[in-house]
């Protein structure tokens, strides 16, 4: 109930904000910038639509209907599919844009723009908004389409950022054409119709009670990793985790996000963004470049094993061995990330030393903190789903929030002490020293973490048994 109240308040807030923007943007652009408001909006609307698609992908829910009782009734399949697709028309992510474009269109008409042309332009823009709506449905259902669009957007973004080509030169002509002509607005409407038909055909094929019951026949491959047997129980846990990372959608998404974290440092070490061009931000980046796998995988221990956690807890398993196996896995991931990040040597030896200092701190300190925080995250993980790579809202609480502070702020504070009172090199040495101390006392820390896991054991078991 509290979450719904906050969602309603958030919807009202953004509705009012977009309404104010729609009413005020005309005068701001006209009077303060001295430009044609419609031309300026048409120039930047490509970014508006891309941002809308990104927000939809992460936040908009795909419509869900319990079709089994409907399929036994005299209702056409086409009616059921159209109803499901029609539900998305009333989504807040579509209605919100009306609060901006309707007032803006009214302001254009009031200030002398041709009424018919403004209406046609408005229809074209709203058709593109709804095209995003159906494109999001396709992206959520087809991984290949998601990666295709992601690569295209990334390529366009890179070309735009480094000023090789200004995409707005082309797109602004198209959007301006929706106002200056009587036919260009038909293109977005045609795109919308095409996406509706595509979604309709896609969902119609899947509208059967036995859809998904028949499995695909593929060649089964097994990897025993027998070389890990020499490590005893620790090796058994490591084998399970390696298989988990290789076989499941959600864990594969984690690996992809870990690789993305390695390139996160480019925002800080290239001086591309002025506000990030500072020594403390570079230490902040050093922690994240090497700790991507640690933060995306380690913080959800033991949630990765939620499907069979009750069975595992009924066995004669030492918590310390279980925790140790997870610790070695995140440490190996951190070392690999630090080695792959060697290309940062291009920006100077000091830059790479910052990353190595962050890696040592991650191994000695943050590796323990993420495992400790995992004891308080009692959210089951659906290994068959690639969504929510960073977890859902139930994965965050006061305890996990407090444990997140030393992961990020403490190494930056330690570096700042050495940086201000001695030298930048001293700051890195202090960060490294804390990492080495954490590694040296890992057995004592494991004992403390083990106690926490035992205290939270039955709460965790109860949480993993809950559905919906």
Protein backbone atom coordinates (compact mmCIF):
# COMPACT_ATOMS: atom_id res chain seq x y z
CA UNK A 1 0.00 0.00 0.00
CA UNK A 2 2.82 2.40 0.89
CA UNK A 3 4.53 1.60 -2.42
CA UNK A 4 1.32 2.35 -4.33
CA UNK A 5 0.93 5.67 -2.50
CA UNK A 6 4.47 6.67 -3.48
CA UNK A 7 3.82 5.59 -7.07
CA UNK A 8 0.66 7.74 -7.20
CA UNK A 9 2.50 10.72 -5.71
CA UNK A 10 5.31 10.17 -8.23
CA UNK A 11 2.81 10.05 -11.09
CA UNK A 12 1.20 13.31 -9.92
CA UNK A 13 4.62 14.94 -9.54
CA UNK A 14 5.79 14.03 -13.03
CA UNK A 15 2.39 14.90 -14.51
CA UNK A 16 2.54 18.40 -13.04
CA UNK A 17 6.21 18.74 -14.05
CA UNK A 18 5.49 17.83 -17.67
CA UNK A 19 2.47 20.15 -17.69
CA UNK A 20 4.60 23.07 -16.52
CA UNK A 21 7.26 22.23 -19.10
CA UNK A 22 4.64 22.09 -21.84
CA UNK A 23 3.28 25.51 -20.93
CA UNK A 24 6.58 27.24 -20.17
CA UNK A 25 8.93 25.78 -22.77
CA UNK A 26 7.48 27.93 -25.58
CA UNK A 27 8.18 31.22 -23.76
CA UNK A 28 11.57 30.05 -22.46
CA UNK A 29 12.81 29.12 -25.93
CA UNK A 30 11.23 32.14 -27.62
CA UNK A 31 12.16 34.86 -25.15
CA UNK A 32 15.36 33.67 -23.48
CA UNK A 33 16.94 31.73 -26.35
CA UNK A 34 15.51 33.85 -29.16
CA UNK A 35 14.76 30.80 -31.33
CA UNK A 36 11.75 29.16 -32.90
CA UNK A 37 10.31 26.85 -30.18
CA UNK A 38 9.05 24.27 -32.68
CA UNK A 39 12.43 24.07 -34.45
CA UNK A 40 14.27 23.62 -31.15
CA UNK A 41 11.87 20.90 -29.95
CA UNK A 42 12.12 19.10 -33.30
CA UNK A 43 15.91 19.15 -33.05
CA UNK A 44 16.09 17.44 -29.66
CA UNK A 45 13.03 15.21 -29.80
CA UNK A 46 15.16 12.28 -31.01
CA UNK A 47 16.86 12.25 -27.59
CA UNK A 48 13.46 12.50 -25.93
CA UNK A 49 12.22 9.38 -27.74
CA UNK A 50 15.40 7.38 -27.05
CA UNK A 51 15.23 8.25 -23.34
CA UNK A 52 11.55 7.30 -23.32
CA UNK A 53 12.38 3.88 -24.79
CA UNK A 54 15.14 3.28 -22.22
CA UNK A 55 12.87 4.19 -19.32
CA UNK A 56 10.11 1.95 -20.67
CA UNK A 57 12.50 -0.99 -20.97
CA UNK A 58 13.50 -0.82 -17.32
CA UNK A 59 10.23 0.31 -15.74
CA UNK A 60 7.18 -0.40 -17.91
CA UNK A 61 5.44 -3.68 -17.16
CA UNK A 62 4.47 -5.98 -20.01
CA UNK A 63 0.67 -6.61 -20.01
CA UNK A 64 -0.23 -9.95 -18.48
CA UNK A 65 -3.56 -11.77 -18.90
CA UNK A 66 -4.58 -15.13 -17.50
CA UNK A 67 -5.65 -16.65 -20.83
CA UNK A 68 -6.67 -20.14 -19.67
CA UNK A 69 -10.24 -19.27 -18.57
CA UNK A 70 -10.66 -17.09 -21.67
CA UNK A 71 -9.64 -19.82 -24.14
CA UNK A 72 -12.50 -22.03 -22.99
CA UNK A 73 -15.05 -19.29 -23.75
CA UNK A 74 -16.45 -18.29 -27.15
CA UNK A 75 -14.03 -15.38 -27.48
CA UNK A 76 -11.86 -14.96 -30.55
CA UNK A 77 -8.13 -15.15 -30.04
CA UNK A 78 -7.75 -11.90 -31.95
CA UNK A 79 -10.03 -10.20 -29.43
CA UNK A 80 -7.92 -11.42 -26.51
CA UNK A 81 -4.66 -10.27 -28.12
CA UNK A 82 -6.09 -6.88 -29.12
CA UNK A 83 -7.40 -6.42 -25.58
CA UNK A 84 -3.95 -7.17 -24.12
CA UNK A 85 -2.27 -4.77 -26.54
CA UNK A 86 -4.98 -2.17 -25.98
CA UNK A 87 -4.29 -2.21 -22.25
CA UNK A 88 -0.89 -0.69 -22.95
CA UNK A 89 -2.56 2.36 -24.52
CA UNK A 90 -3.72 3.40 -21.05
CA UNK A 91 -0.23 3.01 -19.57
CA UNK A 92 1.07 5.93 -17.55
CA UNK A 93 4.17 5.93 -19.76
CA UNK A 94 1.95 6.96 -22.69
CA UNK A 95 -0.41 9.33 -20.92
CA UNK A 96 2.47 11.25 -19.28
CA UNK A 97 3.63 12.62 -22.64
CA UNK A 98 0.21 14.18 -23.23
CA UNK A 99 0.89 16.53 -20.32
CA UNK A 100 3.76 18.01 -22.33
CA UNK A 101 2.76 17.84 -25.97
CA UNK A 102 -0.89 18.93 -25.64
CA UNK A 103 -0.07 22.19 -23.77
CA UNK A 104 2.89 22.81 -26.09
CA UNK A 105 0.69 22.31 -29.15
CA UNK A 106 -1.94 24.66 -27.69
CA UNK A 107 0.77 27.28 -27.11
CA UNK A 108 1.86 26.96 -30.73
CA UNK A 109 -1.71 27.52 -31.98
CA UNK A 110 -2.25 30.48 -29.64
CA UNK A 111 0.94 32.10 -30.95
CA UNK A 112 -0.05 31.96 -34.60
CA UNK A 113 1.10 28.57 -35.88
CA UNK A 114 -1.18 26.92 -38.44
CA UNK A 115 -3.84 24.90 -36.63
CA UNK A 116 -3.99 22.00 -39.11
CA UNK A 117 -0.20 21.67 -39.31
CA UNK A 118 0.14 21.67 -35.53
CA UNK A 119 -2.51 18.95 -35.21
CA UNK A 120 -0.76 16.81 -37.85
CA UNK A 121 2.59 17.32 -36.09
CA UNK A 122 1.02 16.39 -32.77
CA UNK A 123 -0.52 13.22 -34.24
CA UNK A 124 2.86 12.22 -35.67
CA UNK A 125 4.64 12.73 -32.34
CA UNK A 126 2.03 10.75 -30.39
CA UNK A 127 2.26 7.97 -32.99
CA UNK A 128 6.01 7.78 -32.29
CA UNK A 129 5.32 7.66 -28.54
CA UNK A 130 2.98 4.71 -29.01
CA UNK A 131 5.45 3.13 -31.44
CA UNK A 132 7.93 3.15 -28.55
CA UNK A 133 5.27 1.41 -26.48
CA UNK A 134 4.97 -1.55 -28.88
CA UNK A 135 8.68 -1.58 -29.64
CA UNK A 136 9.28 -2.07 -25.94
CA UNK A 137 6.98 -5.11 -25.97
CA UNK A 138 9.02 -6.63 -28.80
CA UNK A 139 12.34 -5.84 -27.09
CA UNK A 140 11.17 -7.53 -23.90
CA UNK A 141 10.23 -10.66 -25.85
CA UNK A 142 13.11 -10.89 -28.34
CA UNK A 143 16.68 -10.71 -27.05
CA UNK A 144 18.15 -10.35 -30.55
CA UNK A 145 16.05 -7.25 -31.15
CA UNK A 146 17.16 -5.76 -27.84
CA UNK A 147 20.84 -6.18 -28.66
CA UNK A 148 20.36 -4.89 -32.20
CA UNK A 149 18.72 -1.68 -30.97
CA UNK A 150 21.27 -1.37 -28.13
CA UNK A 151 24.19 -1.58 -30.59
CA UNK A 152 22.58 0.95 -32.95
CA UNK A 153 21.91 3.41 -30.14
CA UNK A 154 25.42 2.97 -28.74
CA UNK A 155 26.97 3.55 -32.18
CA UNK A 156 24.86 6.66 -32.79
CA UNK A 157 25.68 7.92 -29.29
CA UNK A 158 29.44 7.49 -29.83
CA UNK A 159 29.32 9.19 -33.24
CA UNK A 160 27.29 12.06 -31.76
CA UNK A 161 29.47 12.41 -28.65
CA UNK A 162 32.73 12.68 -30.58
CA UNK A 163 31.14 15.05 -33.12
CA UNK A 164 31.75 12.79 -36.12
CA UNK A 165 28.17 13.30 -37.23
CA UNK A 166 25.21 15.21 -35.81
CA UNK A 167 22.18 12.93 -36.02
CA UNK A 168 19.84 15.83 -35.25
CA UNK A 169 20.61 17.34 -38.65
CA UNK A 170 18.72 14.46 -40.27
CA UNK A 171 16.04 13.83 -37.66
CA UNK A 172 15.07 17.48 -37.22
CA UNK A 173 14.24 17.70 -40.92
CA UNK A 174 11.87 14.74 -40.56
CA UNK A 175 10.13 16.09 -37.45
CA UNK A 176 9.86 19.56 -38.99
CA UNK A 177 8.38 17.92 -42.06
CA UNK A 178 5.50 16.60 -39.96
CA UNK A 179 4.52 20.24 -39.42
CA UNK A 180 5.38 21.80 -42.79
CA UNK A 181 3.71 19.11 -44.95
CA UNK A 182 0.40 17.25 -44.97
CA UNK A 183 1.80 13.75 -45.52
CA UNK A 184 5.02 13.17 -43.49
CA UNK A 185 2.97 12.56 -40.33
CA UNK A 186 1.62 9.44 -42.04
CA UNK A 187 5.07 7.77 -41.72
CA UNK A 188 4.95 7.52 -37.88
CA UNK A 189 1.36 6.28 -38.12
CA UNK A 190 2.44 3.61 -40.61
CA UNK A 191 5.30 2.60 -38.28
CA UNK A 192 2.84 2.38 -35.40
CA UNK A 193 0.48 0.19 -37.44
CA UNK A 194 3.38 -2.06 -38.46
CA UNK A 195 4.50 -2.53 -34.85
CA UNK A 196 0.92 -3.23 -33.71
CA UNK A 197 0.53 -5.91 -36.41
CA UNK A 198 3.93 -7.40 -35.53
CA UNK A 199 3.03 -7.59 -31.84
CA UNK A 200 -0.36 -9.02 -32.72
CA UNK A 201 1.15 -11.81 -34.83
CA UNK A 202 3.82 -12.56 -32.23
CA UNK A 203 1.40 -12.87 -29.31
CA UNK A 204 -1.21 -14.70 -31.40
CA UNK A 205 1.32 -17.49 -32.06
CA UNK A 206 1.88 -17.86 -28.32
CA UNK A 207 -1.82 -17.78 -27.37
CA UNK A 208 -2.25 -21.48 -26.67
CA UNK A 209 -2.68 -23.30 -23.39
CA UNK A 210 0.19 -25.67 -24.12
CA UNK A 211 2.59 -22.99 -25.34
CA UNK A 212 5.93 -23.47 -23.68
CA UNK A 213 5.13 -26.98 -22.45
CA UNK A 214 7.01 -28.64 -25.27
CA UNK A 215 10.70 -28.19 -24.74
CA UNK A 216 13.28 -27.59 -27.43
CA UNK A 217 15.45 -30.54 -28.36
CA UNK A 218 19.09 -29.55 -28.14
CA UNK A 219 22.35 -31.39 -27.79
CA UNK A 220 23.15 -31.63 -24.10
CA UNK A 221 26.68 -30.79 -23.04
CA UNK A 222 28.10 -31.54 -19.62
CA UNK A 223 31.12 -30.08 -17.88
CA UNK A 224 32.21 -31.89 -14.74
CA UNK A 225 35.15 -29.61 -13.80
CA UNK A 226 36.82 -32.59 -12.16
CA UNK A 227 39.97 -30.54 -11.57
CA UNK A 228 38.08 -28.75 -8.77
CA UNK A 229 37.58 -31.99 -6.85
CA UNK A 230 40.98 -31.54 -5.22
CA UNK A 231 39.52 -28.67 -3.18
CA UNK A 232 36.92 -30.87 -1.49
CA UNK A 233 33.63 -29.25 -0.46
CA UNK A 234 34.92 -25.87 -1.62
CA UNK A 235 35.44 -27.30 -5.10
CA UNK A 236 31.88 -28.70 -5.14
CA UNK A 237 30.40 -25.28 -4.42
CA UNK A 238 32.64 -23.65 -7.02
CA UNK A 239 31.53 -26.19 -9.65
CA UNK A 240 27.87 -25.41 -8.91
CA UNK A 241 28.48 -21.67 -9.22
CA UNK A 242 30.40 -21.98 -12.48
CA UNK A 243 27.61 -24.09 -13.96
CA UNK A 244 25.06 -21.55 -12.70
CA UNK A 245 26.91 -18.72 -14.45
CA UNK A 246 27.14 -20.64 -17.72
CA UNK A 247 23.62 -22.03 -17.96
CA UNK A 248 21.11 -19.44 -16.72
CA UNK A 249 19.82 -16.21 -18.24
CA UNK A 250 19.98 -14.13 -15.09
CA UNK A 251 23.56 -15.09 -14.24
CA UNK A 252 24.67 -14.53 -17.84
CA UNK A 253 23.20 -11.04 -17.62
CA UNK A 254 25.33 -10.51 -14.51
CA UNK A 255 28.46 -11.43 -16.46
CA UNK A 256 27.52 -8.97 -19.21
CA UNK A 257 26.99 -6.22 -16.65
CA UNK A 258 30.38 -7.05 -15.10
CA UNK A 259 32.06 -6.42 -18.45
CA UNK A 260 30.17 -3.12 -18.76
CA UNK A 261 31.54 -2.04 -15.37
CA UNK A 262 35.09 -2.35 -16.72
CA UNK A 263 34.40 0.39 -19.25
CA UNK A 264 32.65 2.54 -16.65
CA UNK A 265 36.01 4.12 -15.81
CA UNK A 266 36.18 5.78 -19.22
CA UNK A 267 33.78 8.42 -17.89
CA UNK A 268 36.32 9.36 -15.21
CA UNK A 269 39.78 8.69 -16.60
CA UNK A 270 39.34 10.34 -20.02
CA UNK A 271 38.40 13.77 -18.58
CA UNK A 272 35.44 13.69 -20.96
CA UNK A 273 33.10 14.94 -18.24
CA UNK A 274 34.50 17.93 -16.39
CA UNK A 275 32.74 17.26 -13.08
CA UNK A 276 34.36 13.79 -12.90
CA UNK A 277 37.85 15.11 -13.53
CA UNK A 278 39.06 14.86 -9.93
CA UNK A 279 41.29 12.54 -7.87
CA UNK A 280 38.49 11.27 -5.62
CA UNK A 281 36.28 10.41 -8.56
CA UNK A 282 39.14 8.37 -10.00
CA UNK A 283 39.39 6.28 -6.84
CA UNK A 284 35.61 5.89 -7.00
CA UNK A 285 36.00 4.62 -10.57
CA UNK A 286 38.85 2.30 -9.57
CA UNK A 287 36.53 0.53 -7.13
CA UNK A 288 33.83 0.01 -9.75
CA UNK A 289 36.07 -0.98 -12.68
CA UNK A 290 37.44 -4.00 -10.81
CA UNK A 291 34.36 -4.69 -8.68
CA UNK A 292 31.65 -5.11 -11.31
CA UNK A 293 31.26 -8.88 -10.87
CA UNK A 294 31.57 -8.54 -7.10
CA UNK A 295 28.73 -6.03 -6.85
CA UNK A 296 26.38 -7.69 -9.35
CA UNK A 297 26.95 -11.30 -8.23
CA UNK A 298 28.24 -11.11 -4.67
CA UNK A 299 25.45 -8.97 -3.25
CA UNK A 300 22.88 -11.68 -4.11
CA UNK A 301 24.54 -14.47 -2.15
CA UNK A 302 22.72 -16.68 -1.12
CA UNK A 303 19.77 -15.61 -3.32
CA UNK A 304 21.39 -17.32 -6.31
CA UNK A 305 20.70 -20.63 -4.56
CA UNK A 306 17.15 -19.70 -3.50
CA UNK A 307 15.57 -22.43 -5.66
CA UNK A 308 17.25 -25.22 -3.68
CA UNK A 309 18.38 -23.36 -0.55
CA UNK A 310 15.98 -25.27 1.79
CA UNK A 311 17.35 -28.59 0.48
CA UNK A 312 20.92 -27.39 0.86
CA UNK A 313 20.30 -26.28 4.44
CA UNK A 314 19.05 -29.76 5.31
CA UNK A 315 22.42 -31.21 4.40
CA UNK A 316 25.54 -31.44 6.54
CA UNK A 317 27.10 -28.28 5.11
CA UNK A 318 29.36 -25.87 6.96
CA UNK A 319 28.34 -22.26 6.38
CA UNK A 320 32.00 -21.23 6.43
CA UNK A 321 32.78 -23.48 3.44
CA UNK A 322 29.75 -22.14 1.59
CA UNK A 323 30.77 -18.52 2.24
CA UNK A 324 34.40 -19.26 1.36
CA UNK A 325 33.42 -20.64 -2.05
CA UNK A 326 31.44 -17.50 -2.88
CA UNK A 327 34.32 -15.35 -1.66
CA UNK A 328 36.84 -17.10 -3.91
CA UNK A 329 34.47 -16.71 -6.86
CA UNK A 330 34.12 -12.92 -6.46
CA UNK A 331 37.86 -12.61 -5.83
CA UNK A 332 38.62 -14.47 -9.07
CA UNK A 333 36.14 -12.19 -10.87
CA UNK A 334 37.86 -9.12 -9.40
CA UNK A 335 41.33 -10.31 -10.46
CA UNK A 336 40.13 -11.04 -14.00
CA UNK A 337 38.50 -7.58 -14.22
CA UNK A 338 41.71 -5.92 -13.02
CA UNK A 339 43.76 -7.78 -15.63
CA UNK A 340 41.31 -6.99 -18.45
CA UNK A 341 41.38 -3.32 -17.38
CA UNK A 342 45.09 -3.16 -18.26
CA UNK A 343 44.15 -1.12 -21.34
CA UNK A 344 43.76 1.85 -18.95
CA UNK A 345 47.58 2.02 -19.05
CA UNK A 346 46.95 4.07 -22.18
CA UNK A 347 45.83 6.89 -19.86
CA UNK A 348 48.93 6.59 -17.70
CA UNK A 349 50.52 4.29 -15.13
CA UNK A 350 48.94 6.26 -12.29
CA UNK A 351 45.47 5.53 -13.68
CA UNK A 352 46.05 1.79 -13.74
CA UNK A 353 47.62 1.88 -10.26
CA UNK A 354 44.38 3.50 -9.06
CA UNK A 355 42.45 0.55 -10.51
CA UNK A 356 44.83 -1.96 -8.90
CA UNK A 357 44.46 -0.20 -5.55
CA UNK A 358 40.69 -0.44 -5.92
CA UNK A 359 40.98 -4.14 -6.82
CA UNK A 360 43.06 -4.89 -3.70
CA UNK A 361 40.55 -3.01 -1.53
CA UNK A 362 37.71 -4.93 -3.16
CA UNK A 363 39.41 -8.25 -2.43
CA UNK A 364 40.29 -7.41 1.16
CA UNK A 365 37.27 -5.38 2.30
CA UNK A 366 34.39 -5.15 -0.16
CA UNK A 367 34.35 -8.89 -0.83
CA UNK A 368 33.46 -9.40 2.83
CA UNK A 369 30.90 -6.59 2.85
CA UNK A 370 28.98 -7.87 -0.17
CA UNK A 371 28.73 -11.34 1.39
CA UNK A 372 27.62 -9.81 4.68
CA UNK A 373 25.01 -7.70 2.89
CA UNK A 374 23.73 -10.77 1.06
CA UNK A 375 22.57 -12.23 4.37
CA UNK A 376 19.97 -9.43 4.59
CA UNK A 377 18.79 -9.64 0.95
CA UNK A 378 16.12 -12.31 1.06
CA UNK A 379 14.78 -11.96 -2.46
CA UNK A 380 14.45 -15.20 -4.49
CA UNK A 381 16.05 -15.07 -7.91
CA UNK A 382 14.42 -16.44 -11.05
CA UNK A 383 17.40 -17.90 -12.90
CA UNK A 384 15.36 -18.29 -16.10
CA UNK A 385 14.75 -14.53 -16.36
CA UNK A 386 17.29 -11.99 -17.53
CA UNK A 387 15.39 -9.06 -16.02
CA UNK A 388 16.34 -7.08 -12.92
CA UNK A 389 20.07 -7.69 -13.09
CA UNK A 390 20.50 -5.36 -10.14
CA UNK A 391 17.63 -6.88 -8.16
CA UNK A 392 14.18 -5.54 -7.38
CA UNK A 393 12.83 -3.18 -4.76
CA UNK A 394 12.66 -5.91 -2.11
CA UNK A 395 16.44 -6.35 -2.30
CA UNK A 396 17.06 -3.03 -0.57
CA UNK A 397 16.56 -2.28 3.09
CA UNK A 398 18.18 -0.19 5.82
CA UNK A 399 20.83 -2.80 6.67
CA UNK A 400 21.95 -3.30 3.07
CA UNK A 401 21.97 0.46 2.56
CA UNK A 402 24.23 0.99 5.58
CA UNK A 403 26.57 -1.77 4.39
CA UNK A 404 26.81 -0.04 0.99
CA UNK A 405 28.37 3.10 2.48
CA UNK A 406 31.82 1.61 3.32
CA UNK A 407 31.92 -0.14 -0.05
CA UNK A 408 32.06 3.17 -1.88
CA UNK A 409 32.71 6.08 0.49
CA UNK A 410 35.32 4.49 2.79
CA UNK A 411 38.00 3.90 0.10
CA UNK A 412 37.41 7.42 -1.25
CA UNK A 413 37.74 8.83 2.29
CA UNK A 414 40.94 6.83 2.91
CA UNK A 415 42.41 8.09 -0.33
CA UNK A 416 41.41 11.65 0.58
CA UNK A 417 43.26 11.42 3.91
CA UNK A 418 46.50 10.41 2.23
CA UNK A 419 45.97 12.82 -0.66
CA UNK A 420 45.47 15.91 1.50
CA UNK A 421 47.90 15.19 4.33
CA UNK A 422 50.73 13.60 2.33
CA UNK A 423 50.53 12.81 -1.39
CA UNK A 424 48.42 10.98 -3.99
CA UNK A 425 50.76 8.00 -3.70
CA UNK A 426 50.19 7.91 0.06
CA UNK A 427 46.44 7.86 -0.54
CA UNK A 428 46.76 4.77 -2.75
CA UNK A 429 49.05 3.09 -0.21
CA UNK A 430 46.48 3.60 2.57
CA UNK A 431 43.72 2.09 0.42
CA UNK A 432 45.96 -0.87 -0.45
CA UNK A 433 46.94 -1.31 3.22
CA UNK A 434 43.31 -1.66 4.26
CA UNK A 435 42.78 -4.22 1.50
CA UNK A 436 45.81 -6.25 2.63
CA UNK A 437 44.65 -6.14 6.27
CA UNK A 438 41.19 -7.35 5.26
CA UNK A 439 42.74 -10.24 3.35
CA UNK A 440 45.00 -11.16 6.26
CA UNK A 441 42.08 -11.32 8.72
CA UNK A 442 39.66 -13.04 6.32
CA UNK A 443 39.25 -16.15 8.52
CA UNK A 444 38.19 -14.03 11.48
CA UNK A 445 35.81 -12.06 9.23
CA UNK A 446 34.37 -15.29 7.82
CA UNK A 447 33.56 -16.42 11.35
CA UNK A 448 31.62 -13.18 11.97
CA UNK A 449 29.76 -13.47 8.67
CA UNK A 450 28.96 -17.11 9.45
CA UNK A 451 27.26 -16.07 12.68
CA UNK A 452 25.11 -13.56 10.81
CA UNK A 453 24.07 -16.17 8.23
CA UNK A 454 23.09 -18.57 11.02
CA UNK A 455 21.02 -15.86 12.75
CA UNK A 456 19.24 -15.00 9.48
CA UNK A 457 18.92 -18.62 8.32
CA UNK A 458 15.25 -19.27 9.13
CA UNK A 459 14.12 -15.81 7.99
CA UNK A 460 15.87 -16.49 4.70
CA UNK A 461 14.23 -19.91 4.33
CA UNK A 462 10.81 -18.41 5.01
CA UNK A 463 11.40 -15.64 2.48
CA UNK A 464 12.46 -18.07 -0.27
CA UNK A 465 9.26 -20.08 0.23
CA UNK A 466 7.01 -17.05 -0.34
CA UNK A 467 5.42 -16.61 -3.75
CA UNK A 468 4.16 -13.36 -5.29
